[in-house]
């Protein structure tokens, strides 16, 4: 099992920045990729970004150029730096970890609200 704890969400004005953190514990050795997804009210959960254990990253088109995902393997933590935030970025953000063999672990989710 892998446990994930997110932090860093909150409220920000349009154009502002936030950094989300996700700390993993448990069977860290089983983790391949880690990343973030988000879900706005009434909408499906969408992939935002992921990063492999080798540091290769992938982004959804709607965040390219604005969000950056990084990973600190020594701290078992993944970060999502979010810049130029827009109202449309308002959602609950979920950290996930791919533990291989079809095992995907999810954090509890953290709210990000972008409004003036």
C-alpha atoms as a PDB file:
ATOM      1  CA  UNK A   1       0.000   0.000   0.000  1.00  0.00           C
ATOM      2  CA  UNK A   2       0.987   3.575  -0.653  1.00  0.00           C
ATOM      3  CA  UNK A   3      -0.328   6.551   1.276  1.00  0.00           C
ATOM      4  CA  UNK A   4      -0.416  10.018  -0.269  1.00  0.00           C
ATOM      5  CA  UNK A   5      -0.877  13.303   1.572  1.00  0.00           C
ATOM      6  CA  UNK A   6      -1.449  16.516  -0.359  1.00  0.00           C
ATOM      7  CA  UNK A   7      -0.839  20.063   0.812  1.00  0.00           C
ATOM      8  CA  UNK A   8      -0.593  23.577  -0.561  1.00  0.00           C
ATOM      9  CA  UNK A   9      -4.050  24.240  -1.938  1.00  0.00           C
ATOM     10  CA  UNK A  10      -6.205  27.246  -1.209  1.00  0.00           C
ATOM     11  CA  UNK A  11      -7.535  30.418  -2.769  1.00  0.00           C
ATOM     12  CA  UNK A  12      -5.708  32.627  -5.229  1.00  0.00           C
ATOM     13  CA  UNK A  13      -6.656  35.445  -7.554  1.00  0.00           C
ATOM     14  CA  UNK A  14      -6.540  34.968 -11.340  1.00  0.00           C
ATOM     15  CA  UNK A  15      -2.978  35.256 -12.570  1.00  0.00           C
ATOM     16  CA  UNK A  16      -1.595  34.063  -9.259  1.00  0.00           C
ATOM     17  CA  UNK A  17       0.431  31.012  -8.331  1.00  0.00           C
ATOM     18  CA  UNK A  18       0.196  28.050  -5.989  1.00  0.00           C
ATOM     19  CA  UNK A  19       2.410  25.058  -5.341  1.00  0.00           C
ATOM     20  CA  UNK A  20       0.924  21.716  -4.420  1.00  0.00           C
ATOM     21  CA  UNK A  21       2.911  19.024  -2.649  1.00  0.00           C
ATOM     22  CA  UNK A  22       2.225  15.325  -2.331  1.00  0.00           C
ATOM     23  CA  UNK A  23       4.195  13.195   0.097  1.00  0.00           C
ATOM     24  CA  UNK A  24       4.189   9.440  -0.381  1.00  0.00           C
ATOM     25  CA  UNK A  25       4.741   6.801   2.279  1.00  0.00           C
ATOM     26  CA  UNK A  26       4.425   3.067   2.546  1.00  0.00           C
ATOM     27  CA  UNK A  27       5.634   0.885  -0.319  1.00  0.00           C
ATOM     28  CA  UNK A  28       7.630   3.629  -1.992  1.00  0.00           C
ATOM     29  CA  UNK A  29       9.720   1.121  -3.905  1.00  0.00           C
ATOM     30  CA  UNK A  30       6.675   0.034  -5.894  1.00  0.00           C
ATOM     31  CA  UNK A  31       5.939   3.509  -7.278  1.00  0.00           C
ATOM     32  CA  UNK A  32       6.563   4.187 -10.956  1.00  0.00           C
ATOM     33  CA  UNK A  33       4.913   7.402 -12.039  1.00  0.00           C
ATOM     34  CA  UNK A  34       3.310   9.996  -9.793  1.00  0.00           C
ATOM     35  CA  UNK A  35       1.119  12.857 -10.788  1.00  0.00           C
ATOM     36  CA  UNK A  36      -1.909  15.042 -10.379  1.00  0.00           C
ATOM     37  CA  UNK A  37      -5.451  14.935 -11.648  1.00  0.00           C
ATOM     38  CA  UNK A  38      -8.273  17.365 -11.010  1.00  0.00           C
ATOM     39  CA  UNK A  39     -12.033  17.321 -10.843  1.00  0.00           C
ATOM     40  CA  UNK A  40     -14.314  20.327 -11.034  1.00  0.00           C
ATOM     41  CA  UNK A  41     -17.925  20.111  -9.806  1.00  0.00           C
ATOM     42  CA  UNK A  42     -20.072  18.158 -12.226  1.00  0.00           C
ATOM     43  CA  UNK A  43     -17.131  17.213 -14.411  1.00  0.00           C
ATOM     44  CA  UNK A  44     -14.976  14.148 -14.850  1.00  0.00           C
ATOM     45  CA  UNK A  45     -11.572  13.744 -13.260  1.00  0.00           C
ATOM     46  CA  UNK A  46      -8.865  14.766 -15.730  1.00  0.00           C
ATOM     47  CA  UNK A  47      -5.148  14.115 -15.761  1.00  0.00           C
ATOM     48  CA  UNK A  48      -3.169  17.308 -15.183  1.00  0.00           C
ATOM     49  CA  UNK A  49       0.424  16.107 -15.172  1.00  0.00           C
ATOM     50  CA  UNK A  50       2.559  13.113 -14.343  1.00  0.00           C
ATOM     51  CA  UNK A  51       6.230  12.388 -13.868  1.00  0.00           C
ATOM     52  CA  UNK A  52       8.020   9.054 -14.023  1.00  0.00           C
ATOM     53  CA  UNK A  53      10.685   7.802 -11.647  1.00  0.00           C
ATOM     54  CA  UNK A  54      13.175   8.738 -14.358  1.00  0.00           C
ATOM     55  CA  UNK A  55      11.958  12.334 -14.401  1.00  0.00           C
ATOM     56  CA  UNK A  56      10.038  12.249 -17.671  1.00  0.00           C
ATOM     57  CA  UNK A  57       6.932  14.421 -17.498  1.00  0.00           C
ATOM     58  CA  UNK A  58       3.680  14.720 -19.373  1.00  0.00           C
ATOM     59  CA  UNK A  59       1.101  17.512 -19.245  1.00  0.00           C
ATOM     60  CA  UNK A  60      -2.486  18.028 -20.250  1.00  0.00           C
ATOM     61  CA  UNK A  61      -2.806  20.563 -23.045  1.00  0.00           C
ATOM     62  CA  UNK A  62      -4.796  22.913 -20.846  1.00  0.00           C
ATOM     63  CA  UNK A  63      -1.868  23.431 -18.441  1.00  0.00           C
ATOM     64  CA  UNK A  64       1.116  23.351 -20.772  1.00  0.00           C
ATOM     65  CA  UNK A  65       3.362  26.319 -20.236  1.00  0.00           C
ATOM     66  CA  UNK A  66       1.683  27.234 -16.943  1.00  0.00           C
ATOM     67  CA  UNK A  67       2.160  24.218 -14.649  1.00  0.00           C
ATOM     68  CA  UNK A  68       5.355  22.369 -13.834  1.00  0.00           C
ATOM     69  CA  UNK A  69       5.608  18.994 -12.134  1.00  0.00           C
ATOM     70  CA  UNK A  70       8.746  17.976 -10.290  1.00  0.00           C
ATOM     71  CA  UNK A  71       9.717  15.068  -8.122  1.00  0.00           C
ATOM     72  CA  UNK A  72      12.114  14.745  -5.190  1.00  0.00           C
ATOM     73  CA  UNK A  73      12.837  11.045  -4.899  1.00  0.00           C
ATOM     74  CA  UNK A  74      14.842  11.523  -1.714  1.00  0.00           C
ATOM     75  CA  UNK A  75      11.771  13.012  -0.025  1.00  0.00           C
ATOM     76  CA  UNK A  76       9.258  10.788  -1.827  1.00  0.00           C
ATOM     77  CA  UNK A  77       7.423  13.958  -2.774  1.00  0.00           C
ATOM     78  CA  UNK A  78       5.993  15.313  -5.994  1.00  0.00           C
ATOM     79  CA  UNK A  79       5.232  18.988  -6.549  1.00  0.00           C
ATOM     80  CA  UNK A  80       2.963  20.869  -8.913  1.00  0.00           C
ATOM     81  CA  UNK A  81       3.900  24.493  -9.472  1.00  0.00           C
ATOM     82  CA  UNK A  82       0.887  26.291 -10.893  1.00  0.00           C
ATOM     83  CA  UNK A  83       1.384  29.717 -12.448  1.00  0.00           C
ATOM     84  CA  UNK A  84      -0.938  32.060 -14.350  1.00  0.00           C
ATOM     85  CA  UNK A  85      -3.915  30.452 -12.701  1.00  0.00           C
ATOM     86  CA  UNK A  86      -7.324  30.934 -14.265  1.00  0.00           C
ATOM     87  CA  UNK A  87     -10.830  30.568 -12.907  1.00  0.00           C
ATOM     88  CA  UNK A  88     -11.139  27.407 -15.000  1.00  0.00           C
ATOM     89  CA  UNK A  89      -8.379  25.841 -12.905  1.00  0.00           C
ATOM     90  CA  UNK A  90     -10.695  25.778  -9.899  1.00  0.00           C
ATOM     91  CA  UNK A  91     -11.101  22.148  -8.876  1.00  0.00           C
ATOM     92  CA  UNK A  92     -10.191  19.512  -6.343  1.00  0.00           C
ATOM     93  CA  UNK A  93      -6.696  18.336  -7.159  1.00  0.00           C
ATOM     94  CA  UNK A  94      -5.780  14.721  -6.477  1.00  0.00           C
ATOM     95  CA  UNK A  95      -2.321  13.274  -6.220  1.00  0.00           C
ATOM     96  CA  UNK A  96      -1.881   9.757  -7.555  1.00  0.00           C
ATOM     97  CA  UNK A  97       0.830   7.136  -7.643  1.00  0.00           C
ATOM     98  CA  UNK A  98       1.155   4.262 -10.057  1.00  0.00           C
ATOM     99  CA  UNK A  99       2.264   1.284  -8.037  1.00  0.00           C
ATOM    100  CA  UNK A 100       2.437  -1.074 -11.010  1.00  0.00           C
ATOM    101  CA  UNK A 101       0.350  -4.189 -11.699  1.00  0.00           C
ATOM    102  CA  UNK A 102      -2.743  -2.031 -12.056  1.00  0.00           C
ATOM    103  CA  UNK A 103      -2.424  -0.505  -8.599  1.00  0.00           C
ATOM    104  CA  UNK A 104      -3.166   3.201  -8.587  1.00  0.00           C
ATOM    105  CA  UNK A 105      -3.250   5.032  -5.293  1.00  0.00           C
ATOM    106  CA  UNK A 106      -5.005   8.347  -4.696  1.00  0.00           C
ATOM    107  CA  UNK A 107      -4.682  11.116  -2.160  1.00  0.00           C
ATOM    108  CA  UNK A 108      -7.689  12.587  -0.411  1.00  0.00           C
ATOM    109  CA  UNK A 109      -7.798  15.619  -2.687  1.00  0.00           C
ATOM    110  CA  UNK A 110      -7.154  19.286  -2.040  1.00  0.00           C
ATOM    111  CA  UNK A 111      -9.212  22.279  -3.092  1.00  0.00           C
ATOM    112  CA  UNK A 112      -7.809  24.954  -5.383  1.00  0.00           C
ATOM    113  CA  UNK A 113     -10.005  28.000  -5.931  1.00  0.00           C
ATOM    114  CA  UNK A 114      -9.151  30.746  -8.398  1.00  0.00           C
ATOM    115  CA  UNK A 115     -11.384  33.795  -8.167  1.00  0.00           C
ATOM    116  CA  UNK A 116     -11.309  37.529  -7.716  1.00  0.00           C
END
